[in-house]
Amino acid sequence: MRLLLVEDDEEISAMLGDFLESEGFSVDTAADGEAGCARFSAAQYDLVLLDLMLPRRSGLDVLRAIRKSGSTVPVIILSARDSDSDVTLDLGLGADDYVVKPFSVSQVLARIKANLRRSTVWAEGAEAPAEVLRAGALAMDCAAHRVEKDGIPVELTAKEYSILELLLRNPRRVYTKAQLYAAVWGEAYLGDENAVNVHISRLRSKVEDDPKKPRCICTVWGIGYKLGDGDGR
């Protein structure tokens, strides 16, 4: 697995890079936003670790550039900023996860593994099931890891894809936010609704005709979310 670490703190970059390489990852590093964008454009990465406060070009600009390129590679933000508004903004711009500094290397490793399990669908040689999941105008080709709406490809991040797949596979089930978080993030839910809310909002903006009146991903008030029946129910 090849990772890109964009971090201007030399000590953090060296510590984290050396640890991840000892865990079997190939790690490329960049010390500023411009170098990070250049690295990303020149190679294929399985995951990006991205600091926000970078010289020359901010981490948010790098994140925007990654998503603008059409890539759905998992991006984990590394930041000392931990307010709800900061986390919501970063997830809303396309980040998949958020680790607050100071952090332990084992914490980062756990987040990396959780995100890679969802993005690299058949990386460990599992046989892909030949199936297409459908709901209304949506079609998910599980083997190709592709989603289409009315025959037009829909670009989803790894977690957006995982949320949609979970709902498509269980069309009659209502998921609480805690259940969604545990299933998609692979961690215990600690009560922070931002991650789930932001990803649901982004997913709706991509698959719904009118995200303000969702018919595919429906809210069950007081409980959570379920796959809709096309009538917003």
C-alpha atoms as a PDB file:
ATOM      1  CA  MET A   1       0.000   0.000   0.000  1.00  0.00           C
ATOM      2  CA  ARG A   2       1.344   3.400  -1.000  1.00  0.00           C
ATOM      3  CA  LEU A   3       0.587   6.412   1.194  1.00  0.00           C
ATOM      4  CA  LEU A   4       1.160  10.140   0.711  1.00  0.00           C
ATOM      5  CA  LEU A   5       1.966  12.098   3.880  1.00  0.00           C
ATOM      6  CA  VAL A   6       1.701  15.885   3.484  1.00  0.00           C
ATOM      7  CA  GLU A   7       3.072  17.414   6.692  1.00  0.00           C
ATOM      8  CA  ASP A   8       5.359  20.416   7.212  1.00  0.00           C
ATOM      9  CA  ASP A   9       6.464  19.466  10.740  1.00  0.00           C
ATOM     10  CA  GLU A  10       9.687  17.560  10.097  1.00  0.00           C
ATOM     11  CA  GLU A  11       9.574  15.733  13.421  1.00  0.00           C
ATOM     12  CA  ILE A  12       5.998  14.503  12.958  1.00  0.00           C
ATOM     13  CA  SER A  13       6.657  13.592   9.328  1.00  0.00           C
ATOM     14  CA  ALA A  14       9.761  11.576  10.163  1.00  0.00           C
ATOM     15  CA  MET A  15       8.186   9.850  13.176  1.00  0.00           C
ATOM     16  CA  LEU A  16       4.984   8.922  11.388  1.00  0.00           C
ATOM     17  CA  GLY A  17       6.681   8.049   8.105  1.00  0.00           C
ATOM     18  CA  ASP A  18       9.213   5.741   9.770  1.00  0.00           C
ATOM     19  CA  PHE A  19       6.515   4.033  11.829  1.00  0.00           C
ATOM     20  CA  LEU A  20       4.239   3.422   8.846  1.00  0.00           C
ATOM     21  CA  GLU A  21       7.123   2.044   6.789  1.00  0.00           C
ATOM     22  CA  SER A  22       7.941  -0.324   9.664  1.00  0.00           C
ATOM     23  CA  GLU A  23       4.322  -1.489   9.381  1.00  0.00           C
ATOM     24  CA  GLY A  24       4.836  -2.394   5.722  1.00  0.00           C
ATOM     25  CA  PHE A  25       3.560   0.736   3.965  1.00  0.00           C
ATOM     26  CA  SER A  26       5.384   2.654   1.244  1.00  0.00           C
ATOM     27  CA  VAL A  27       5.311   6.321   2.279  1.00  0.00           C
ATOM     28  CA  ASP A  28       6.003   9.385   0.138  1.00  0.00           C
ATOM     29  CA  THR A  29       6.251  12.718   1.948  1.00  0.00           C
ATOM     30  CA  ALA A  30       5.736  16.360   1.037  1.00  0.00           C
ATOM     31  CA  ALA A  31       6.491  19.340   3.278  1.00  0.00           C
ATOM     32  CA  ASP A  32       4.117  21.889   1.728  1.00  0.00           C
ATOM     33  CA  GLY A  33       0.858  22.080  -0.175  1.00  0.00           C
ATOM     34  CA  GLU A  34       2.369  22.662  -3.607  1.00  0.00           C
ATOM     35  CA  ALA A  35       4.685  19.693  -3.228  1.00  0.00           C
ATOM     36  CA  GLY A  36       1.776  17.608  -1.975  1.00  0.00           C
ATOM     37  CA  CYS A  37      -0.300  18.385  -5.067  1.00  0.00           C
ATOM     38  CA  ALA A  38       2.666  17.643  -7.321  1.00  0.00           C
ATOM     39  CA  ARG A  39       3.297  14.307  -5.602  1.00  0.00           C
ATOM     40  CA  PHE A  40      -0.352  13.319  -5.820  1.00  0.00           C
ATOM     41  CA  SER A  41      -0.549  14.172  -9.525  1.00  0.00           C
ATOM     42  CA  ALA A  42       2.559  12.152 -10.322  1.00  0.00           C
ATOM     43  CA  ALA A  43       1.647   8.848  -8.676  1.00  0.00           C
ATOM     44  CA  GLN A  44      -1.196   6.573  -7.583  1.00  0.00           C
ATOM     45  CA  TYR A  45      -1.841   6.463  -3.840  1.00  0.00           C
ATOM     46  CA  ASP A  46      -4.043   4.255  -1.711  1.00  0.00           C
ATOM     47  CA  LEU A  47      -4.509   6.890   0.998  1.00  0.00           C
ATOM     48  CA  VAL A  48      -3.476  10.463   1.813  1.00  0.00           C
ATOM     49  CA  LEU A  49      -2.573  11.845   5.254  1.00  0.00           C
ATOM     50  CA  LEU A  50      -2.988  15.609   5.053  1.00  0.00           C
ATOM     51  CA  ASP A  51      -2.040  18.360   7.486  1.00  0.00           C
ATOM     52  CA  LEU A  52      -4.146  21.517   7.245  1.00  0.00           C
ATOM     53  CA  MET A  53      -1.688  24.267   8.198  1.00  0.00           C
ATOM     54  CA  LEU A  54       0.779  23.984   5.334  1.00  0.00           C
ATOM     55  CA  PRO A  55       3.064  26.549   3.714  1.00  0.00           C
ATOM     56  CA  ARG A  56       2.640  27.661   0.090  1.00  0.00           C
ATOM     57  CA  ARG A  57      -0.787  26.028  -0.234  1.00  0.00           C
ATOM     58  CA  SER A  58      -3.183  25.106   2.549  1.00  0.00           C
ATOM     59  CA  GLY A  59      -4.320  21.602   3.295  1.00  0.00           C
ATOM     60  CA  LEU A  60      -7.883  22.544   2.358  1.00  0.00           C
ATOM     61  CA  ASP A  61      -6.657  23.692  -1.061  1.00  0.00           C
ATOM     62  CA  VAL A  62      -4.853  20.378  -1.489  1.00  0.00           C
ATOM     63  CA  LEU A  63      -8.027  18.509  -0.496  1.00  0.00           C
ATOM     64  CA  ARG A  64     -10.084  20.505  -3.004  1.00  0.00           C
ATOM     65  CA  ALA A  65      -7.530  19.750  -5.735  1.00  0.00           C
ATOM     66  CA  ILE A  66      -7.648  16.024  -4.961  1.00  0.00           C
ATOM     67  CA  ARG A  67     -11.430  15.895  -5.157  1.00  0.00           C
ATOM     68  CA  LYS A  68     -11.544  18.181  -8.206  1.00  0.00           C
ATOM     69  CA  SER A  69      -9.326  15.681 -10.021  1.00  0.00           C
ATOM     70  CA  GLY A  70     -12.103  13.101  -9.587  1.00  0.00           C
ATOM     71  CA  SER A  71     -10.123  10.942  -7.182  1.00  0.00           C
ATOM     72  CA  THR A  72     -11.980   9.155  -4.403  1.00  0.00           C
ATOM     73  CA  VAL A  73      -8.802   8.152  -2.551  1.00  0.00           C
ATOM     74  CA  PRO A  74      -9.357   8.207   1.230  1.00  0.00           C
ATOM     75  CA  VAL A  75      -8.017  11.414   2.803  1.00  0.00           C
ATOM     76  CA  ILE A  76      -7.361  11.598   6.550  1.00  0.00           C
ATOM     77  CA  ILE A  77      -6.932  15.107   7.942  1.00  0.00           C
ATOM     78  CA  LEU A  78      -4.247  15.681  10.596  1.00  0.00           C
ATOM     79  CA  SER A  79      -4.948  18.863  12.521  1.00  0.00           C
ATOM     80  CA  ALA A  80      -4.687  20.586  15.890  1.00  0.00           C
ATOM     81  CA  ARG A  81      -8.043  22.232  15.185  1.00  0.00           C
ATOM     82  CA  ASP A  82     -10.795  20.174  16.751  1.00  0.00           C
ATOM     83  CA  SER A  83     -13.893  22.359  16.873  1.00  0.00           C
ATOM     84  CA  ASP A  84     -17.144  20.950  15.471  1.00  0.00           C
ATOM     85  CA  SER A  85     -17.165  23.617  12.745  1.00  0.00           C
ATOM     86  CA  ASP A  86     -13.632  22.745  11.612  1.00  0.00           C
ATOM     87  CA  VAL A  87     -14.372  19.020  11.455  1.00  0.00           C
ATOM     88  CA  THR A  88     -17.646  19.628   9.623  1.00  0.00           C
ATOM     89  CA  LEU A  89     -15.959  21.904   7.068  1.00  0.00           C
ATOM     90  CA  ASP A  90     -13.166  19.441   6.325  1.00  0.00           C
ATOM     91  CA  LEU A  91     -15.513  16.461   5.991  1.00  0.00           C
ATOM     92  CA  GLY A  92     -17.834  18.568   3.871  1.00  0.00           C
ATOM     93  CA  LEU A  93     -15.019  19.315   1.439  1.00  0.00           C
ATOM     94  CA  GLY A  94     -14.371  15.612   0.902  1.00  0.00           C
ATOM     95  CA  ALA A  95     -12.152  14.337   3.712  1.00  0.00           C
ATOM     96  CA  ASP A  96     -12.926  10.823   4.918  1.00  0.00           C
ATOM     97  CA  ASP A  97     -11.582  11.014   8.435  1.00  0.00           C
ATOM     98  CA  TYR A  98     -10.068  13.413  10.965  1.00  0.00           C
ATOM     99  CA  VAL A  99      -7.302  12.860  13.534  1.00  0.00           C
ATOM    100  CA  VAL A 100      -6.628  15.566  16.098  1.00  0.00           C
ATOM    101  CA  LYS A 101      -3.064  16.460  17.101  1.00  0.00           C
ATOM    102  CA  PRO A 102      -1.346  15.451  19.280  1.00  0.00           C
ATOM    103  CA  PHE A 103      -1.974  11.845  18.304  1.00  0.00           C
ATOM    104  CA  SER A 104      -0.346   8.477  18.817  1.00  0.00           C
ATOM    105  CA  VAL A 105       1.048   6.614  15.823  1.00  0.00           C
ATOM    106  CA  SER A 106      -1.085   3.605  16.751  1.00  0.00           C
ATOM    107  CA  GLN A 107      -4.183   5.810  16.569  1.00  0.00           C
ATOM    108  CA  VAL A 108      -3.263   6.955  13.064  1.00  0.00           C
ATOM    109  CA  LEU A 109      -2.495   3.378  12.028  1.00  0.00           C
ATOM    110  CA  ALA A 110      -5.938   2.238  13.195  1.00  0.00           C
ATOM    111  CA  ARG A 111      -7.628   4.994  11.165  1.00  0.00           C
ATOM    112  CA  ILE A 112      -5.564   4.128   8.104  1.00  0.00           C
ATOM    113  CA  LYS A 113      -6.488   0.453   8.295  1.00  0.00           C
ATOM    114  CA  ALA A 114     -10.171   1.231   8.823  1.00  0.00           C
ATOM    115  CA  ASN A 115     -10.268   3.503   5.768  1.00  0.00           C
ATOM    116  CA  LEU A 116      -8.264   1.137   3.577  1.00  0.00           C
ATOM    117  CA  ARG A 117     -10.601  -1.743   4.405  1.00  0.00           C
ATOM    118  CA  ARG A 118     -13.405   0.236   2.817  1.00  0.00           C
ATOM    119  CA  SER A 119     -11.623   1.818  -0.121  1.00  0.00           C
ATOM    120  CA  THR A 120      -9.502  -1.086  -1.350  1.00  0.00           C
ATOM    121  CA  VAL A 121     -12.424  -3.412  -1.797  1.00  0.00           C
ATOM    122  CA  TRP A 122     -10.654  -6.534  -3.003  1.00  0.00           C
ATOM    123  CA  ALA A 123      -7.035  -5.697  -2.098  1.00  0.00           C
ATOM    124  CA  GLU A 124      -6.497  -8.900  -0.148  1.00  0.00           C
ATOM    125  CA  GLY A 125      -7.652 -11.146  -2.971  1.00  0.00           C
ATOM    126  CA  ALA A 126     -11.245 -11.694  -1.969  1.00  0.00           C
ATOM    127  CA  GLU A 127     -13.420 -12.677  -4.891  1.00  0.00           C
ATOM    128  CA  ALA A 128     -15.785  -9.881  -5.897  1.00  0.00           C
ATOM    129  CA  PRO A 129     -19.414 -10.926  -6.019  1.00  0.00           C
ATOM    130  CA  ALA A 130     -20.976 -10.544  -9.436  1.00  0.00           C
ATOM    131  CA  GLU A 131     -23.918  -8.445  -8.369  1.00  0.00           C
ATOM    132  CA  VAL A 132     -25.577  -5.132  -9.034  1.00  0.00           C
ATOM    133  CA  LEU A 133     -27.594  -3.492  -6.264  1.00  0.00           C
ATOM    134  CA  ARG A 134     -30.449  -1.267  -7.446  1.00  0.00           C
ATOM    135  CA  ALA A 135     -32.829   1.282  -5.996  1.00  0.00           C
ATOM    136  CA  GLY A 136     -34.844   3.447  -8.349  1.00  0.00           C
ATOM    137  CA  ALA A 137     -32.472   5.187 -10.759  1.00  0.00           C
ATOM    138  CA  LEU A 138     -29.398   4.051  -8.784  1.00  0.00           C
ATOM    139  CA  ALA A 139     -27.277   1.034  -9.690  1.00  0.00           C
ATOM    140  CA  MET A 140     -24.222  -0.124  -7.747  1.00  0.00           C
ATOM    141  CA  ASP A 141     -21.878  -2.544  -9.498  1.00  0.00           C
ATOM    142  CA  CYS A 142     -20.142  -4.130  -6.515  1.00  0.00           C
ATOM    143  CA  ALA A 143     -17.458  -5.917  -8.533  1.00  0.00           C
ATOM    144  CA  ALA A 144     -16.442  -2.758 -10.388  1.00  0.00           C
ATOM    145  CA  HIS A 145     -16.966  -0.559  -7.309  1.00  0.00           C
ATOM    146  CA  ARG A 146     -19.038   1.782  -9.463  1.00  0.00           C
ATOM    147  CA  VAL A 147     -22.287   3.684  -8.917  1.00  0.00           C
ATOM    148  CA  GLU A 148     -24.526   5.080 -11.658  1.00  0.00           C
ATOM    149  CA  LYS A 149     -27.664   7.184 -11.613  1.00  0.00           C
ATOM    150  CA  ASP A 150     -29.788   6.904 -14.740  1.00  0.00           C
ATOM    151  CA  GLY A 151     -26.738   5.366 -16.422  1.00  0.00           C
ATOM    152  CA  ILE A 152     -24.455   8.290 -15.514  1.00  0.00           C
ATOM    153  CA  PRO A 153     -21.447   7.552 -13.249  1.00  0.00           C
ATOM    154  CA  VAL A 154     -21.592   9.036  -9.750  1.00  0.00           C
ATOM    155  CA  GLU A 155     -18.262   9.738  -8.065  1.00  0.00           C
ATOM    156  CA  LEU A 156     -18.369   8.798  -4.382  1.00  0.00           C
ATOM    157  CA  THR A 157     -15.738   8.822  -1.672  1.00  0.00           C
ATOM    158  CA  ALA A 158     -14.952   5.560   0.096  1.00  0.00           C
ATOM    159  CA  LYS A 159     -17.247   6.290   3.038  1.00  0.00           C
ATOM    160  CA  GLU A 160     -20.073   7.615   0.863  1.00  0.00           C
ATOM    161  CA  TYR A 161     -19.887   4.372  -1.105  1.00  0.00           C
ATOM    162  CA  SER A 162     -19.881   2.298   2.082  1.00  0.00           C
ATOM    163  CA  ILE A 163     -22.935   4.096   3.476  1.00  0.00           C
ATOM    164  CA  LEU A 164     -24.862   3.657   0.234  1.00  0.00           C
ATOM    165  CA  GLU A 165     -23.862  -0.003  -0.084  1.00  0.00           C
ATOM    166  CA  LEU A 166     -24.974  -0.689   3.495  1.00  0.00           C
ATOM    167  CA  LEU A 167     -28.403   0.824   2.834  1.00  0.00           C
ATOM    168  CA  LEU A 168     -28.798  -0.913  -0.536  1.00  0.00           C
ATOM    169  CA  ARG A 169     -27.975  -4.284   0.967  1.00  0.00           C
ATOM    170  CA  ASN A 170     -30.463  -3.790   3.794  1.00  0.00           C
ATOM    171  CA  PRO A 171     -33.389  -1.933   2.184  1.00  0.00           C
ATOM    172  CA  ARG A 172     -35.880  -2.550   4.979  1.00  0.00           C
ATOM    173  CA  ARG A 173     -33.602  -1.712   7.881  1.00  0.00           C
ATOM    174  CA  VAL A 174     -33.484   1.606   9.726  1.00  0.00           C
ATOM    175  CA  TYR A 175     -29.937   2.462  10.905  1.00  0.00           C
ATOM    176  CA  THR A 176     -29.252   4.695  13.866  1.00  0.00           C
ATOM    177  CA  LYS A 177     -26.319   7.058  13.574  1.00  0.00           C
ATOM    178  CA  ALA A 178     -24.408   4.903  16.038  1.00  0.00           C
ATOM    179  CA  GLN A 179     -24.995   1.800  13.897  1.00  0.00           C
ATOM    180  CA  LEU A 180     -23.966   3.603  10.700  1.00  0.00           C
ATOM    181  CA  TYR A 181     -20.819   4.928  12.332  1.00  0.00           C
ATOM    182  CA  ALA A 182     -19.836   1.536  13.719  1.00  0.00           C
ATOM    183  CA  ALA A 183     -20.456  -0.193  10.375  1.00  0.00           C
ATOM    184  CA  VAL A 184     -18.752   2.372   8.132  1.00  0.00           C
ATOM    185  CA  TRP A 185     -16.027   3.882  10.315  1.00  0.00           C
ATOM    186  CA  GLY A 186     -15.244   0.656  12.141  1.00  0.00           C
ATOM    187  CA  GLU A 187     -15.121   2.404  15.515  1.00  0.00           C
ATOM    188  CA  ALA A 188     -17.318   2.869  18.547  1.00  0.00           C
ATOM    189  CA  TYR A 189     -19.701   5.802  18.244  1.00  0.00           C
ATOM    190  CA  LEU A 190     -18.936   8.464  20.873  1.00  0.00           C
ATOM    191  CA  GLY A 191     -21.889  10.741  20.213  1.00  0.00           C
ATOM    192  CA  ASP A 192     -20.413  13.146  17.647  1.00  0.00           C
ATOM    193  CA  GLU A 193     -23.065  13.387  14.936  1.00  0.00           C
ATOM    194  CA  ASN A 194     -21.030  15.586  12.571  1.00  0.00           C
ATOM    195  CA  ALA A 195     -19.272  12.820  10.673  1.00  0.00           C
ATOM    196  CA  VAL A 196     -22.481  10.916   9.898  1.00  0.00           C
ATOM    197  CA  ASN A 197     -24.541  14.038   9.168  1.00  0.00           C
ATOM    198  CA  VAL A 198     -21.989  15.527   6.785  1.00  0.00           C
ATOM    199  CA  HIS A 199     -21.469  12.298   4.841  1.00  0.00           C
ATOM    200  CA  ILE A 200     -25.226  11.729   4.508  1.00  0.00           C
ATOM    201  CA  SER A 201     -25.631  15.314   3.276  1.00  0.00           C
ATOM    202  CA  ARG A 202     -22.832  14.924   0.706  1.00  0.00           C
ATOM    203  CA  LEU A 203     -24.196  11.570  -0.445  1.00  0.00           C
ATOM    204  CA  ARG A 204     -27.670  13.026  -0.914  1.00  0.00           C
ATOM    205  CA  SER A 205     -26.243  15.892  -2.968  1.00  0.00           C
ATOM    206  CA  LYS A 206     -24.873  13.305  -5.401  1.00  0.00           C
ATOM    207  CA  VAL A 207     -27.685  10.756  -5.650  1.00  0.00           C
ATOM    208  CA  GLU A 208     -30.903  12.671  -4.981  1.00  0.00           C
ATOM    209  CA  ASP A 209     -32.837  14.702  -7.561  1.00  0.00           C
ATOM    210  CA  ASP A 210     -33.591  17.192  -4.791  1.00  0.00           C
ATOM    211  CA  PRO A 211     -31.357  16.737  -1.722  1.00  0.00           C
ATOM    212  CA  LYS A 212     -33.782  18.844   0.342  1.00  0.00           C
ATOM    213  CA  LYS A 213     -36.535  16.326  -0.399  1.00  0.00           C
ATOM    214  CA  PRO A 214     -34.665  13.005  -0.360  1.00  0.00           C
ATOM    215  CA  ARG A 215     -36.370   9.959  -1.836  1.00  0.00           C
ATOM    216  CA  CYS A 216     -33.411   7.576  -1.763  1.00  0.00           C
ATOM    217  CA  ILE A 217     -31.735   8.171   1.598  1.00  0.00           C
ATOM    218  CA  CYS A 218     -34.559   8.970   3.961  1.00  0.00           C
ATOM    219  CA  THR A 219     -34.541  10.248   7.518  1.00  0.00           C
ATOM    220  CA  VAL A 220     -36.598   8.318  10.051  1.00  0.00           C
ATOM    221  CA  TRP A 221     -37.111  11.040  12.614  1.00  0.00           C
ATOM    222  CA  GLY A 222     -35.870  10.202  16.067  1.00  0.00           C
ATOM    223  CA  ILE A 223     -34.159   7.029  14.867  1.00  0.00           C
ATOM    224  CA  GLY A 224     -31.799   7.400  11.900  1.00  0.00           C
ATOM    225  CA  TYR A 225     -31.726   6.631   8.172  1.00  0.00           C
ATOM    226  CA  LYS A 226     -33.073   4.065   5.734  1.00  0.00           C
ATOM    227  CA  LEU A 227     -33.287   3.388   2.030  1.00  0.00           C
ATOM    228  CA  GLY A 228     -36.350   5.142   0.612  1.00  0.00           C
ATOM    229  CA  ASP A 229     -39.037   3.586  -1.538  1.00  0.00           C
ATOM    230  CA  GLY A 230     -38.959   6.372  -4.117  1.00  0.00           C
ATOM    231  CA  ASP A 231     -41.698   8.358  -2.394  1.00  0.00           C
ATOM    232  CA  GLY A 232     -39.464   9.764   0.311  1.00  0.00           C
ATOM    233  CA  ARG A 233     -40.632   7.163   2.834  1.00  0.00           C
END
